[in-house]
Each structure stands twice: as structure tokens, then as C-alpha cells.
Amino acid sequence: MNYETARKLLLGQTIATEENPDALLTRMKQGKPPVPGQITSILLALKVVFEALKESPSLDRELTFALYQLSVKTQQLFIAGRRVGVDWPPLLKEDLVRIALAVESIFSGVWQTPPPGSF
């Protein structure tokens, strides 16, 4: 996966379109779990974006907003879903933390890993 493909994938996970009706944020707003392989693809795309931008002094606004939504909004939707009884997949919370750490890595320029024993 190259940078442009990764960027497009990440942007596509925040807005449902005809091309991608299964955007992660849309599914979570509907109380639906991610489709199989969706989180893995997002994590791979985040790593590609990190590698491409780790030396960059700035990020474009559209990508930054998508990264914010993937790191913060997904966790908010997860909590809101739990409050109304959504039965999320067992590892989704940990996957969302991994996404947030990858986004933090992109913002900081230093790859972040979960502390040992955090899951």
C-alpha cells in the first residue's frame, strides 16, 4: 500500500459514500461492528501514513480531521453504543486504542506502542 492509497482509505473510513457504504464511523453510528478486515486495513494504512509523514513538519487539514475522527469519534461511539446496549466485538475496544496510538504516532512523528499488559 502506498501513501495515496492509505490516505484515501483513511478518509473513506470517516464518510460513507457510494464507493464505501461501510465506512467505520457510519457502521459504529448504526451500532454495527466493523466488517471483517476493516480494522486491519485501517491500522496498515495508519502505519503507511506514519512512515510517509514522520519527517513532515505539517499535515493537511482533511487528513488531520479524518485521523481525529478515527481516534476520538470511534471511541466516543463505542462508549455511546455500550450505554444503549450494543454488543461490540470483544477486541474492538483494544483495536480502537491501537488506532488512537497510531494516530498519536502520526501527530508526534514517533511510533507509539501500547504499554505492556495494557490489554
PDB file of N, CA and C in Angstrom:
ATOM      1  N   MET A   1       0.851  -1.167   0.000  1.00  0.00           N
ATOM      2  CA  MET A   1       0.000   0.000   0.000  1.00  0.00           C
ATOM      3  C   MET A   1       0.902   1.237   0.000  1.00  0.00           C
ATOM      4  N   ASN A   2       0.591   2.194  -0.872  1.00  0.00           N
ATOM      5  CA  ASN A   2       1.359   3.433  -0.904  1.00  0.00           C
ATOM      6  C   ASN A   2       0.618   4.532  -0.137  1.00  0.00           C
ATOM      7  N   TYR A   3       1.266   5.680  -0.004  1.00  0.00           N
ATOM      8  CA  TYR A   3       0.702   6.770   0.796  1.00  0.00           C
ATOM      9  C   TYR A   3      -0.663   7.222   0.289  1.00  0.00           C
ATOM     10  N   GLU A   4      -0.795   7.438  -1.015  1.00  0.00           N
ATOM     11  CA  GLU A   4      -2.066   7.930  -1.559  1.00  0.00           C
ATOM     12  C   GLU A   4      -3.201   6.941  -1.317  1.00  0.00           C
ATOM     13  N   THR A   5      -2.917   5.656  -1.481  1.00  0.00           N
ATOM     14  CA  THR A   5      -3.929   4.636  -1.220  1.00  0.00           C
ATOM     15  C   THR A   5      -4.305   4.621   0.255  1.00  0.00           C
ATOM     16  N   ALA A   6      -3.311   4.711   1.124  1.00  0.00           N
ATOM     17  CA  ALA A   6      -3.562   4.721   2.564  1.00  0.00           C
ATOM     18  C   ALA A   6      -4.370   5.945   2.964  1.00  0.00           C
ATOM     19  N   ARG A   7      -3.998   7.091   2.448  1.00  0.00           N
ATOM     20  CA  ARG A   7      -4.726   8.334   2.752  1.00  0.00           C
ATOM     21  C   ARG A   7      -6.184   8.222   2.325  1.00  0.00           C
ATOM     22  N   LYS A   8      -6.392   7.730   1.112  1.00  0.00           N
ATOM     23  CA  LYS A   8      -7.755   7.578   0.589  1.00  0.00           C
ATOM     24  C   LYS A   8      -8.561   6.608   1.459  1.00  0.00           C
ATOM     25  N   LEU A   9      -7.939   5.515   1.864  1.00  0.00           N
ATOM     26  CA  LEU A   9      -8.623   4.542   2.715  1.00  0.00           C
ATOM     27  C   LEU A   9      -9.046   5.191   4.040  1.00  0.00           C
ATOM     28  N   LEU A  10      -8.144   5.945   4.657  1.00  0.00           N
ATOM     29  CA  LEU A  10      -8.454   6.570   5.944  1.00  0.00           C
ATOM     30  C   LEU A  10      -9.562   7.605   5.802  1.00  0.00           C
ATOM     31  N   LEU A  11      -9.513   8.408   4.752  1.00  0.00           N
ATOM     32  CA  LEU A  11     -10.579   9.378   4.521  1.00  0.00           C
ATOM     33  C   LEU A  11     -11.908   8.661   4.291  1.00  0.00           C
ATOM     34  N   GLY A  12     -11.850   7.563   3.571  1.00  0.00           N
ATOM     35  CA  GLY A  12     -13.062   6.801   3.272  1.00  0.00           C
ATOM     36  C   GLY A  12     -13.697   6.132   4.478  1.00  0.00           C
ATOM     37  N   GLN A  13     -12.952   5.958   5.542  1.00  0.00           N
ATOM     38  CA  GLN A  13     -13.498   5.324   6.746  1.00  0.00           C
ATOM     39  C   GLN A  13     -14.295   6.295   7.614  1.00  0.00           C
ATOM     40  N   THR A  14     -14.259   7.576   7.255  1.00  0.00           N
ATOM     41  CA  THR A  14     -14.968   8.568   8.064  1.00  0.00           C
ATOM     42  C   THR A  14     -16.250   9.062   7.408  1.00  0.00           C
ATOM     43  N   ILE A  15     -16.391   8.854   6.105  1.00  0.00           N
ATOM     44  CA  ILE A  15     -17.565   9.337   5.380  1.00  0.00           C
ATOM     45  C   ILE A  15     -18.091   8.218   4.493  1.00  0.00           C
ATOM     46  N   ALA A  16     -19.374   7.891   4.660  1.00  0.00           N
ATOM     47  CA  ALA A  16     -19.978   6.865   3.811  1.00  0.00           C
ATOM     48  C   ALA A  16     -20.247   7.461   2.423  1.00  0.00           C
ATOM     49  N   THR A  17     -19.858   6.725   1.401  1.00  0.00           N
ATOM     50  CA  THR A  17     -20.110   7.131   0.024  1.00  0.00           C
ATOM     51  C   THR A  17     -20.654   5.921  -0.722  1.00  0.00           C
ATOM     52  N   GLU A  18     -21.039   6.138  -1.981  1.00  0.00           N
ATOM     53  CA  GLU A  18     -21.468   5.002  -2.795  1.00  0.00           C
ATOM     54  C   GLU A  18     -20.346   3.991  -2.935  1.00  0.00           C
ATOM     55  N   GLU A  19     -19.101   4.502  -3.024  1.00  0.00           N
ATOM     56  CA  GLU A  19     -17.943   3.624  -3.153  1.00  0.00           C
ATOM     57  C   GLU A  19     -17.688   2.847  -1.869  1.00  0.00           C
ATOM     58  N   ASN A  20     -18.005   3.453  -0.720  1.00  0.00           N
ATOM     59  CA  ASN A  20     -17.712   2.823   0.564  1.00  0.00           C
ATOM     60  C   ASN A  20     -18.865   3.053   1.552  1.00  0.00           C
ATOM     61  N   PRO A  21     -19.965   2.301   1.390  1.00  0.00           N
ATOM     62  CA  PRO A  21     -21.096   2.475   2.302  1.00  0.00           C
ATOM     63  C   PRO A  21     -20.805   1.934   3.707  1.00  0.00           C
ATOM     64  N   ASP A  22     -19.711   1.172   3.852  1.00  0.00           N
ATOM     65  CA  ASP A  22     -19.365   0.567   5.136  1.00  0.00           C
ATOM     66  C   ASP A  22     -18.268   1.318   5.873  1.00  0.00           C
ATOM     67  N   ALA A  23     -18.244   2.638   5.760  1.00  0.00           N
ATOM     68  CA  ALA A  23     -17.253   3.437   6.488  1.00  0.00           C
ATOM     69  C   ALA A  23     -17.354   3.103   7.974  1.00  0.00           C
ATOM     70  N   LEU A  24     -16.222   3.015   8.646  1.00  0.00           N
ATOM     71  CA  LEU A  24     -16.198   2.628  10.054  1.00  0.00           C
ATOM     72  C   LEU A  24     -17.083   3.525  10.907  1.00  0.00           C
ATOM     73  N   LEU A  25     -16.973   4.840  10.749  1.00  0.00           N
ATOM     74  CA  LEU A  25     -17.789   5.741  11.568  1.00  0.00           C
ATOM     75  C   LEU A  25     -19.278   5.526  11.321  1.00  0.00           C
ATOM     76  N   THR A  26     -19.662   5.311  10.074  1.00  0.00           N
ATOM     77  CA  THR A  26     -21.070   5.074   9.748  1.00  0.00           C
ATOM     78  C   THR A  26     -21.569   3.793  10.412  1.00  0.00           C
ATOM     79  N   ARG A  27     -20.795   2.736  10.306  1.00  0.00           N
ATOM     80  CA  ARG A  27     -21.197   1.465  10.914  1.00  0.00           C
ATOM     81  C   ARG A  27     -21.339   1.613  12.426  1.00  0.00           C
ATOM     82  N   MET A  28     -20.380   2.289  13.048  1.00  0.00           N
ATOM     83  CA  MET A  28     -20.438   2.436  14.502  1.00  0.00           C
ATOM     84  C   MET A  28     -21.615   3.318  14.925  1.00  0.00           C
ATOM     85  N   LYS A  29     -21.917   4.353  14.148  1.00  0.00           N
ATOM     86  CA  LYS A  29     -23.089   5.195  14.449  1.00  0.00           C
ATOM     87  C   LYS A  29     -24.371   4.371  14.395  1.00  0.00           C
ATOM     88  N   GLN A  30     -24.386   3.356  13.540  1.00  0.00           N
ATOM     89  CA  GLN A  30     -25.544   2.475  13.395  1.00  0.00           C
ATOM     90  C   GLN A  30     -25.529   1.330  14.403  1.00  0.00           C
ATOM     91  N   GLY A  31     -24.503   1.281  15.259  1.00  0.00           N
ATOM     92  CA  GLY A  31     -24.395   0.204  16.237  1.00  0.00           C
ATOM     93  C   GLY A  31     -23.931  -1.104  15.625  1.00  0.00           C
ATOM     94  N   LYS A  32     -23.276  -1.020  14.458  1.00  0.00           N
ATOM     95  CA  LYS A  32     -22.778  -2.210  13.769  1.00  0.00           C
ATOM     96  C   LYS A  32     -21.270  -2.329  13.974  1.00  0.00           C
ATOM     97  N   PRO A  33     -20.771  -3.554  14.075  1.00  0.00           N
ATOM     98  CA  PRO A  33     -19.321  -3.752  14.211  1.00  0.00           C
ATOM     99  C   PRO A  33     -18.629  -3.514  12.872  1.00  0.00           C
ATOM    100  N   PRO A  34     -17.319  -3.353  12.905  1.00  0.00           N
ATOM    101  CA  PRO A  34     -16.568  -3.234  11.644  1.00  0.00           C
ATOM    102  C   PRO A  34     -16.735  -4.496  10.805  1.00  0.00           C
ATOM    103  N   VAL A  35     -16.592  -4.345   9.491  1.00  0.00           N
ATOM    104  CA  VAL A  35     -16.615  -5.524   8.626  1.00  0.00           C
ATOM    105  C   VAL A  35     -15.291  -6.260   8.806  1.00  0.00           C
ATOM    106  N   PRO A  36     -15.259  -7.563   8.559  1.00  0.00           N
ATOM    107  CA  PRO A  36     -14.004  -8.308   8.721  1.00  0.00           C
ATOM    108  C   PRO A  36     -12.865  -7.683   7.910  1.00  0.00           C
ATOM    109  N   GLY A  37     -11.731  -7.525   8.559  1.00  0.00           N
ATOM    110  CA  GLY A  37     -10.552  -6.979   7.915  1.00  0.00           C
ATOM    111  C   GLY A  37     -10.479  -5.454   7.909  1.00  0.00           C
ATOM    112  N   GLN A  38     -11.557  -4.789   8.289  1.00  0.00           N
ATOM    113  CA  GLN A  38     -11.597  -3.325   8.238  1.00  0.00           C
ATOM    114  C   GLN A  38     -10.585  -2.688   9.182  1.00  0.00           C
ATOM    115  N   ILE A  39     -10.521  -3.146  10.415  1.00  0.00           N
ATOM    116  CA  ILE A  39      -9.583  -2.574  11.388  1.00  0.00           C
ATOM    117  C   ILE A  39      -8.146  -2.847  10.951  1.00  0.00           C
ATOM    118  N   THR A  40      -7.882  -4.040  10.464  1.00  0.00           N
ATOM    119  CA  THR A  40      -6.534  -4.378   9.993  1.00  0.00           C
ATOM    120  C   THR A  40      -6.115  -3.448   8.866  1.00  0.00           C
ATOM    121  N   SER A  41      -7.021  -3.189   7.940  1.00  0.00           N
ATOM    122  CA  SER A  41      -6.716  -2.283   6.828  1.00  0.00           C
ATOM    123  C   SER A  41      -6.454  -0.872   7.323  1.00  0.00           C
ATOM    124  N   ILE A  42      -7.238  -0.421   8.300  1.00  0.00           N
ATOM    125  CA  ILE A  42      -7.046   0.920   8.863  1.00  0.00           C
ATOM    126  C   ILE A  42      -5.687   1.004   9.548  1.00  0.00           C
ATOM    127  N   LEU A  43      -5.349   0.001  10.344  1.00  0.00           N
ATOM    128  CA  LEU A  43      -4.059   0.010  11.043  1.00  0.00           C
ATOM    129  C   LEU A  43      -2.885  -0.006  10.063  1.00  0.00           C
ATOM    130  N   LEU A  44      -2.994  -0.789   9.008  1.00  0.00           N
ATOM    131  CA  LEU A  44      -1.945  -0.814   7.983  1.00  0.00           C
ATOM    132  C   LEU A  44      -1.824   0.550   7.316  1.00  0.00           C
ATOM    133  N   ALA A  45      -2.955   1.148   6.975  1.00  0.00           N
ATOM    134  CA  ALA A  45      -2.940   2.470   6.342  1.00  0.00           C
ATOM    135  C   ALA A  45      -2.329   3.516   7.268  1.00  0.00           C
ATOM    136  N   LEU A  46      -2.630   3.429   8.549  1.00  0.00           N
ATOM    137  CA  LEU A  46      -2.052   4.372   9.510  1.00  0.00           C
ATOM    138  C   LEU A  46      -0.534   4.230   9.580  1.00  0.00           C
ATOM    139  N   LYS A  47      -0.045   3.011   9.532  1.00  0.00           N
ATOM    140  CA  LYS A  47       1.406   2.777   9.556  1.00  0.00           C
ATOM    141  C   LYS A  47       2.062   3.348   8.292  1.00  0.00           C
ATOM    142  N   VAL A  48       1.426   3.158   7.147  1.00  0.00           N
ATOM    143  CA  VAL A  48       1.953   3.692   5.887  1.00  0.00           C
ATOM    144  C   VAL A  48       1.986   5.222   5.942  1.00  0.00           C
ATOM    145  N   VAL A  49       0.916   5.822   6.437  1.00  0.00           N
ATOM    146  CA  VAL A  49       0.864   7.286   6.550  1.00  0.00           C
ATOM    147  C   VAL A  49       1.930   7.769   7.534  1.00  0.00           C
ATOM    148  N   PHE A  50       2.084   7.067   8.649  1.00  0.00           N
ATOM    149  CA  PHE A  50       3.128   7.439   9.605  1.00  0.00           C
ATOM    150  C   PHE A  50       4.495   7.454   8.933  1.00  0.00           C
ATOM    151  N   GLU A  51       4.834   6.375   8.243  1.00  0.00           N
ATOM    152  CA  GLU A  51       6.141   6.276   7.600  1.00  0.00           C
ATOM    153  C   GLU A  51       6.340   7.391   6.578  1.00  0.00           C
ATOM    154  N   ALA A  52       5.287   7.724   5.845  1.00  0.00           N
ATOM    155  CA  ALA A  52       5.399   8.750   4.808  1.00  0.00           C
ATOM    156  C   ALA A  52       5.521  10.156   5.395  1.00  0.00           C
ATOM    157  N   LEU A  53       4.933  10.376   6.562  1.00  0.00           N
ATOM    158  CA  LEU A  53       4.859  11.738   7.104  1.00  0.00           C
ATOM    159  C   LEU A  53       5.697  11.987   8.352  1.00  0.00           C
ATOM    160  N   LYS A  54       6.445  10.991   8.829  1.00  0.00           N
ATOM    161  CA  LYS A  54       7.126  11.158  10.114  1.00  0.00           C
ATOM    162  C   LYS A  54       8.124  12.307  10.126  1.00  0.00           C
ATOM    163  N   GLU A  55       8.643  12.694   8.980  1.00  0.00           N
ATOM    164  CA  GLU A  55       9.576  13.821   8.914  1.00  0.00           C
ATOM    165  C   GLU A  55       8.877  15.111   8.477  1.00  0.00           C
ATOM    166  N   SER A  56       7.601  15.037   8.157  1.00  0.00           N
ATOM    167  CA  SER A  56       6.883  16.206   7.665  1.00  0.00           C
ATOM    168  C   SER A  56       6.567  17.179   8.808  1.00  0.00           C
ATOM    169  N   PRO A  57       6.786  18.465   8.589  1.00  0.00           N
ATOM    170  CA  PRO A  57       6.504  19.444   9.642  1.00  0.00           C
ATOM    171  C   PRO A  57       5.013  19.778   9.782  1.00  0.00           C
ATOM    172  N   SER A  58       4.179  19.363   8.807  1.00  0.00           N
ATOM    173  CA  SER A  58       2.757  19.686   8.884  1.00  0.00           C
ATOM    174  C   SER A  58       1.927  18.596   8.197  1.00  0.00           C
ATOM    175  N   LEU A  59       0.636  18.609   8.501  1.00  0.00           N
ATOM    176  CA  LEU A  59      -0.308  17.660   7.914  1.00  0.00           C
ATOM    177  C   LEU A  59      -1.431  18.446   7.251  1.00  0.00           C
ATOM    178  N   ASP A  60      -2.026  17.868   6.212  1.00  0.00           N
ATOM    179  CA  ASP A  60      -3.131  18.585   5.582  1.00  0.00           C
ATOM    180  C   ASP A  60      -4.403  18.445   6.430  1.00  0.00           C
ATOM    181  N   ARG A  61      -5.240  19.453   6.360  1.00  0.00           N
ATOM    182  CA  ARG A  61      -6.431  19.557   7.201  1.00  0.00           C
ATOM    183  C   ARG A  61      -7.394  18.376   7.007  1.00  0.00           C
ATOM    184  N   GLU A  62      -7.629  17.972   5.775  1.00  0.00           N
ATOM    185  CA  GLU A  62      -8.573  16.885   5.505  1.00  0.00           C
ATOM    186  C   GLU A  62      -8.108  15.579   6.158  1.00  0.00           C
ATOM    187  N   LEU A  63      -6.833  15.256   6.009  1.00  0.00           N
ATOM    188  CA  LEU A  63      -6.290  14.057   6.626  1.00  0.00           C
ATOM    189  C   LEU A  63      -6.323  14.170   8.151  1.00  0.00           C
ATOM    190  N   THR A  64      -5.956  15.329   8.656  1.00  0.00           N
ATOM    191  CA  THR A  64      -5.945  15.535  10.107  1.00  0.00           C
ATOM    192  C   THR A  64      -7.328  15.324  10.697  1.00  0.00           C
ATOM    193  N   PHE A  65      -8.351  15.837  10.034  1.00  0.00           N
ATOM    194  CA  PHE A  65      -9.719  15.660  10.525  1.00  0.00           C
ATOM    195  C   PHE A  65     -10.125  14.191  10.503  1.00  0.00           C
ATOM    196  N   ALA A  66      -9.746  13.485   9.448  1.00  0.00           N
ATOM    197  CA  ALA A  66     -10.058  12.053   9.375  1.00  0.00           C
ATOM    198  C   ALA A  66      -9.354  11.296  10.496  1.00  0.00           C
ATOM    199  N   LEU A  67      -8.094  11.636  10.761  1.00  0.00           N
ATOM    200  CA  LEU A  67      -7.351  10.982  11.840  1.00  0.00           C
ATOM    201  C   LEU A  67      -8.006  11.255  13.197  1.00  0.00           C
ATOM    202  N   TYR A  68      -8.423  12.496  13.403  1.00  0.00           N
ATOM    203  CA  TYR A  68      -9.129  12.844  14.643  1.00  0.00           C
ATOM    204  C   TYR A  68     -10.381  11.981  14.799  1.00  0.00           C
ATOM    205  N   GLN A  69     -11.163  11.899  13.735  1.00  0.00           N
ATOM    206  CA  GLN A  69     -12.402  11.118  13.814  1.00  0.00           C
ATOM    207  C   GLN A  69     -12.125   9.648  14.095  1.00  0.00           C
ATOM    208  N   LEU A  70     -11.094   9.109  13.458  1.00  0.00           N
ATOM    209  CA  LEU A  70     -10.774   7.703  13.671  1.00  0.00           C
ATOM    210  C   LEU A  70     -10.263   7.434  15.081  1.00  0.00           C
ATOM    211  N   SER A  71      -9.610   8.411  15.685  1.00  0.00           N
ATOM    212  CA  SER A  71      -9.053   8.177  17.017  1.00  0.00           C
ATOM    213  C   SER A  71     -10.009   8.566  18.134  1.00  0.00           C
ATOM    214  N   VAL A  72     -10.723   9.658  17.981  1.00  0.00           N
ATOM    215  CA  VAL A  72     -11.570  10.159  19.062  1.00  0.00           C
ATOM    216  C   VAL A  72     -13.034   9.768  18.871  1.00  0.00           C
ATOM    217  N   LYS A  73     -13.580  10.039  17.711  1.00  0.00           N
ATOM    218  CA  LYS A  73     -15.003   9.770  17.482  1.00  0.00           C
ATOM    219  C   LYS A  73     -15.342   8.284  17.611  1.00  0.00           C
ATOM    220  N   THR A  74     -14.450   7.419  17.133  1.00  0.00           N
ATOM    221  CA  THR A  74     -14.753   5.986  17.239  1.00  0.00           C
ATOM    222  C   THR A  74     -14.857   5.559  18.702  1.00  0.00           C
ATOM    223  N   GLN A  75     -13.992   6.095  19.552  1.00  0.00           N
ATOM    224  CA  GLN A  75     -14.075   5.737  20.971  1.00  0.00           C
ATOM    225  C   GLN A  75     -15.342   6.307  21.610  1.00  0.00           C
ATOM    226  N   GLN A  76     -15.734   7.514  21.199  1.00  0.00           N
ATOM    227  CA  GLN A  76     -16.978   8.089  21.708  1.00  0.00           C
ATOM    228  C   GLN A  76     -18.175   7.254  21.272  1.00  0.00           C
ATOM    229  N   LEU A  77     -18.169   6.825  20.015  1.00  0.00           N
ATOM    230  CA  LEU A  77     -19.259   5.985  19.506  1.00  0.00           C
ATOM    231  C   LEU A  77     -19.287   4.632  20.204  1.00  0.00           C
ATOM    232  N   PHE A  78     -18.117   4.098  20.506  1.00  0.00           N
ATOM    233  CA  PHE A  78     -18.026   2.826  21.228  1.00  0.00           C
ATOM    234  C   PHE A  78     -18.695   2.955  22.598  1.00  0.00           C
ATOM    235  N   ILE A  79     -18.354   4.013  23.323  1.00  0.00           N
ATOM    236  CA  ILE A  79     -18.922   4.230  24.662  1.00  0.00           C
ATOM    237  C   ILE A  79     -20.423   4.471  24.571  1.00  0.00           C
ATOM    238  N   ALA A  80     -20.844   5.307  23.626  1.00  0.00           N
ATOM    239  CA  ALA A  80     -22.273   5.585  23.459  1.00  0.00           C
ATOM    240  C   ALA A  80     -23.033   4.312  23.109  1.00  0.00           C
ATOM    241  N   GLY A  81     -22.455   3.476  22.261  1.00  0.00           N
ATOM    242  CA  GLY A  81     -23.087   2.214  21.897  1.00  0.00           C
ATOM    243  C   GLY A  81     -23.238   1.283  23.094  1.00  0.00           C
ATOM    244  N   ARG A  82     -22.208   1.215  23.901  1.00  0.00           N
ATOM    245  CA  ARG A  82     -22.280   0.383  25.111  1.00  0.00           C
ATOM    246  C   ARG A  82     -23.404   0.830  26.034  1.00  0.00           C
ATOM    247  N   ARG A  83     -23.555   2.148  26.156  1.00  0.00           N
ATOM    248  CA  ARG A  83     -24.602   2.703  27.041  1.00  0.00           C
ATOM    249  C   ARG A  83     -26.002   2.289  26.613  1.00  0.00           C
ATOM    250  N   VAL A  84     -26.190   2.093  25.311  1.00  0.00           N
ATOM    251  CA  VAL A  84     -27.518   1.698  24.830  1.00  0.00           C
ATOM    252  C   VAL A  84     -27.614   0.206  24.523  1.00  0.00           C
ATOM    253  N   GLY A  85     -26.598  -0.548  24.965  1.00  0.00           N
ATOM    254  CA  GLY A  85     -26.671  -1.999  24.874  1.00  0.00           C
ATOM    255  C   GLY A  85     -26.105  -2.638  23.626  1.00  0.00           C
ATOM    256  N   VAL A  86     -25.325  -1.909  22.851  1.00  0.00           N
ATOM    257  CA  VAL A  86     -24.694  -2.519  21.675  1.00  0.00           C
ATOM    258  C   VAL A  86     -23.674  -3.546  22.160  1.00  0.00           C
ATOM    259  N   ASP A  87     -23.717  -4.720  21.573  1.00  0.00           N
ATOM    260  CA  ASP A  87     -22.789  -5.792  21.924  1.00  0.00           C
ATOM    261  C   ASP A  87     -21.635  -5.772  20.919  1.00  0.00           C
ATOM    262  N   TRP A  88     -20.634  -4.929  21.202  1.00  0.00           N
ATOM    263  CA  TRP A  88     -19.496  -4.794  20.300  1.00  0.00           C
ATOM    264  C   TRP A  88     -18.639  -6.064  20.330  1.00  0.00           C
ATOM    265  N   PRO A  89     -17.874  -6.322  19.269  1.00  0.00           N
ATOM    266  CA  PRO A  89     -16.950  -7.469  19.277  1.00  0.00           C
ATOM    267  C   PRO A  89     -15.964  -7.346  20.445  1.00  0.00           C
ATOM    268  N   PRO A  90     -15.522  -8.477  20.987  1.00  0.00           N
ATOM    269  CA  PRO A  90     -14.679  -8.469  22.193  1.00  0.00           C
ATOM    270  C   PRO A  90     -13.390  -7.658  22.094  1.00  0.00           C
ATOM    271  N   LEU A  91     -12.753  -7.602  20.947  1.00  0.00           N
ATOM    272  CA  LEU A  91     -11.464  -6.909  20.839  1.00  0.00           C
ATOM    273  C   LEU A  91     -11.569  -5.510  20.235  1.00  0.00           C
ATOM    274  N   LEU A  92     -12.795  -5.029  20.001  1.00  0.00           N
ATOM    275  CA  LEU A  92     -12.943  -3.730  19.346  1.00  0.00           C
ATOM    276  C   LEU A  92     -12.353  -2.601  20.188  1.00  0.00           C
ATOM    277  N   LYS A  93     -12.557  -2.623  21.488  1.00  0.00           N
ATOM    278  CA  LYS A  93     -12.013  -1.560  22.340  1.00  0.00           C
ATOM    279  C   LYS A  93     -10.489  -1.480  22.200  1.00  0.00           C
ATOM    280  N   GLU A  94      -9.822  -2.631  22.244  1.00  0.00           N
ATOM    281  CA  GLU A  94      -8.372  -2.661  22.093  1.00  0.00           C
ATOM    282  C   GLU A  94      -7.945  -2.189  20.710  1.00  0.00           C
ATOM    283  N   ASP A  95      -8.714  -2.565  19.687  1.00  0.00           N
ATOM    284  CA  ASP A  95      -8.403  -2.114  18.327  1.00  0.00           C
ATOM    285  C   ASP A  95      -8.516  -0.595  18.217  1.00  0.00           C
ATOM    286  N   LEU A  96      -9.510  -0.018  18.871  1.00  0.00           N
ATOM    287  CA  LEU A  96      -9.675   1.433  18.838  1.00  0.00           C
ATOM    288  C   LEU A  96      -8.529   2.136  19.563  1.00  0.00           C
ATOM    289  N   VAL A  97      -8.018   1.520  20.610  1.00  0.00           N
ATOM    290  CA  VAL A  97      -6.845   2.073  21.300  1.00  0.00           C
ATOM    291  C   VAL A  97      -5.633   2.007  20.369  1.00  0.00           C
ATOM    292  N   ARG A  98      -5.487   0.920  19.632  1.00  0.00           N
ATOM    293  CA  ARG A  98      -4.372   0.802  18.676  1.00  0.00           C
ATOM    294  C   ARG A  98      -4.466   1.885  17.600  1.00  0.00           C
ATOM    295  N   ILE A  99      -5.682   2.136  17.135  1.00  0.00           N
ATOM    296  CA  ILE A  99      -5.888   3.199  16.142  1.00  0.00           C
ATOM    297  C   ILE A  99      -5.481   4.543  16.741  1.00  0.00           C
ATOM    298  N   ALA A 100      -5.921   4.814  17.959  1.00  0.00           N
ATOM    299  CA  ALA A 100      -5.587   6.085  18.615  1.00  0.00           C
ATOM    300  C   ALA A 100      -4.074   6.234  18.793  1.00  0.00           C
ATOM    301  N   LEU A 101      -3.400   5.157  19.157  1.00  0.00           N
ATOM    302  CA  LEU A 101      -1.938   5.213  19.312  1.00  0.00           C
ATOM    303  C   LEU A 101      -1.252   5.456  17.971  1.00  0.00           C
ATOM    304  N   ALA A 102      -1.770   4.857  16.912  1.00  0.00           N
ATOM    305  CA  ALA A 102      -1.184   5.079  15.584  1.00  0.00           C
ATOM    306  C   ALA A 102      -1.390   6.528  15.149  1.00  0.00           C
ATOM    307  N   VAL A 103      -2.558   7.084  15.442  1.00  0.00           N
ATOM    308  CA  VAL A 103      -2.812   8.491  15.108  1.00  0.00           C
ATOM    309  C   VAL A 103      -1.890   9.392  15.926  1.00  0.00           C
ATOM    310  N   GLU A 104      -1.746   9.090  17.204  1.00  0.00           N
ATOM    311  CA  GLU A 104      -0.817   9.850  18.046  1.00  0.00           C
ATOM    312  C   GLU A 104       0.596   9.784  17.455  1.00  0.00           C
ATOM    313  N   SER A 105       0.958   8.633  16.951  1.00  0.00           N
ATOM    314  CA  SER A 105       2.273   8.462  16.328  1.00  0.00           C
ATOM    315  C   SER A 105       2.441   9.379  15.125  1.00  0.00           C
ATOM    316  N   ILE A 106       1.396   9.463  14.305  1.00  0.00           N
ATOM    317  CA  ILE A 106       1.454  10.331  13.127  1.00  0.00           C
ATOM    318  C   ILE A 106       1.618  11.785  13.561  1.00  0.00           C
ATOM    319  N   PHE A 107       0.877  12.186  14.594  1.00  0.00           N
ATOM    320  CA  PHE A 107       0.968  13.563  15.078  1.00  0.00           C
ATOM    321  C   PHE A 107       2.331  13.864  15.690  1.00  0.00           C
ATOM    322  N   SER A 108       2.910  12.903  16.384  1.00  0.00           N
ATOM    323  CA  SER A 108       4.166  13.153  17.104  1.00  0.00           C
ATOM    324  C   SER A 108       5.418  12.859  16.278  1.00  0.00           C
ATOM    325  N   GLY A 109       5.294  12.002  15.275  1.00  0.00           N
ATOM    326  CA  GLY A 109       6.457  11.600  14.495  1.00  0.00           C
ATOM    327  C   GLY A 109       7.253  10.478  15.130  1.00  0.00           C
ATOM    328  N   VAL A 110       6.739   9.915  16.227  1.00  0.00           N
ATOM    329  CA  VAL A 110       7.396   8.810  16.932  1.00  0.00           C
ATOM    330  C   VAL A 110       6.366   7.695  17.108  1.00  0.00           C
ATOM    331  N   TRP A 111       6.708   6.484  16.648  1.00  0.00           N
ATOM    332  CA  TRP A 111       5.749   5.379  16.726  1.00  0.00           C
ATOM    333  C   TRP A 111       5.473   5.008  18.181  1.00  0.00           C
ATOM    334  N   GLN A 112       4.199   4.962  18.540  1.00  0.00           N
ATOM    335  CA  GLN A 112       3.751   4.641  19.883  1.00  0.00           C
ATOM    336  C   GLN A 112       3.296   3.177  19.951  1.00  0.00           C
ATOM    337  N   THR A 113       3.592   2.505  21.022  1.00  0.00           N
ATOM    338  CA  THR A 113       3.105   1.147  21.241  1.00  0.00           C
ATOM    339  C   THR A 113       2.374   1.105  22.577  1.00  0.00           C
ATOM    340  N   PRO A 114       1.400   0.203  22.695  1.00  0.00           N
ATOM    341  CA  PRO A 114       0.691   0.109  23.974  1.00  0.00           C
ATOM    342  C   PRO A 114       1.632  -0.314  25.092  1.00  0.00           C
ATOM    343  N   PRO A 115       1.427   0.218  26.287  1.00  0.00           N
ATOM    344  CA  PRO A 115       2.244  -0.233  27.416  1.00  0.00           C
ATOM    345  C   PRO A 115       2.046  -1.723  27.648  1.00  0.00           C
ATOM    346  N   PRO A 116       3.077  -2.436  28.103  1.00  0.00           N
ATOM    347  CA  PRO A 116       2.944  -3.871  28.358  1.00  0.00           C
ATOM    348  C   PRO A 116       1.816  -4.128  29.365  1.00  0.00           C
ATOM    349  N   GLY A 117       1.025  -5.135  29.058  1.00  0.00           N
ATOM    350  CA  GLY A 117      -0.055  -5.525  29.965  1.00  0.00           C
ATOM    351  C   GLY A 117      -1.255  -4.612  29.934  1.00  0.00           C
ATOM    352  N   SER A 118      -1.336  -3.714  28.930  1.00  0.00           N
ATOM    353  CA  SER A 118      -2.459  -2.761  28.895  1.00  0.00           C
ATOM    354  C   SER A 118      -3.735  -3.392  28.358  1.00  0.00           C
ATOM    355  N   PHE A 119      -3.630  -4.554  27.734  1.00  0.00           N
ATOM    356  CA  PHE A 119      -4.840  -5.203  27.209  1.00  0.00           C
ATOM    357  C   PHE A 119      -5.093  -6.486  27.923  1.00  0.00           C
TER     358      PHE A 119
END
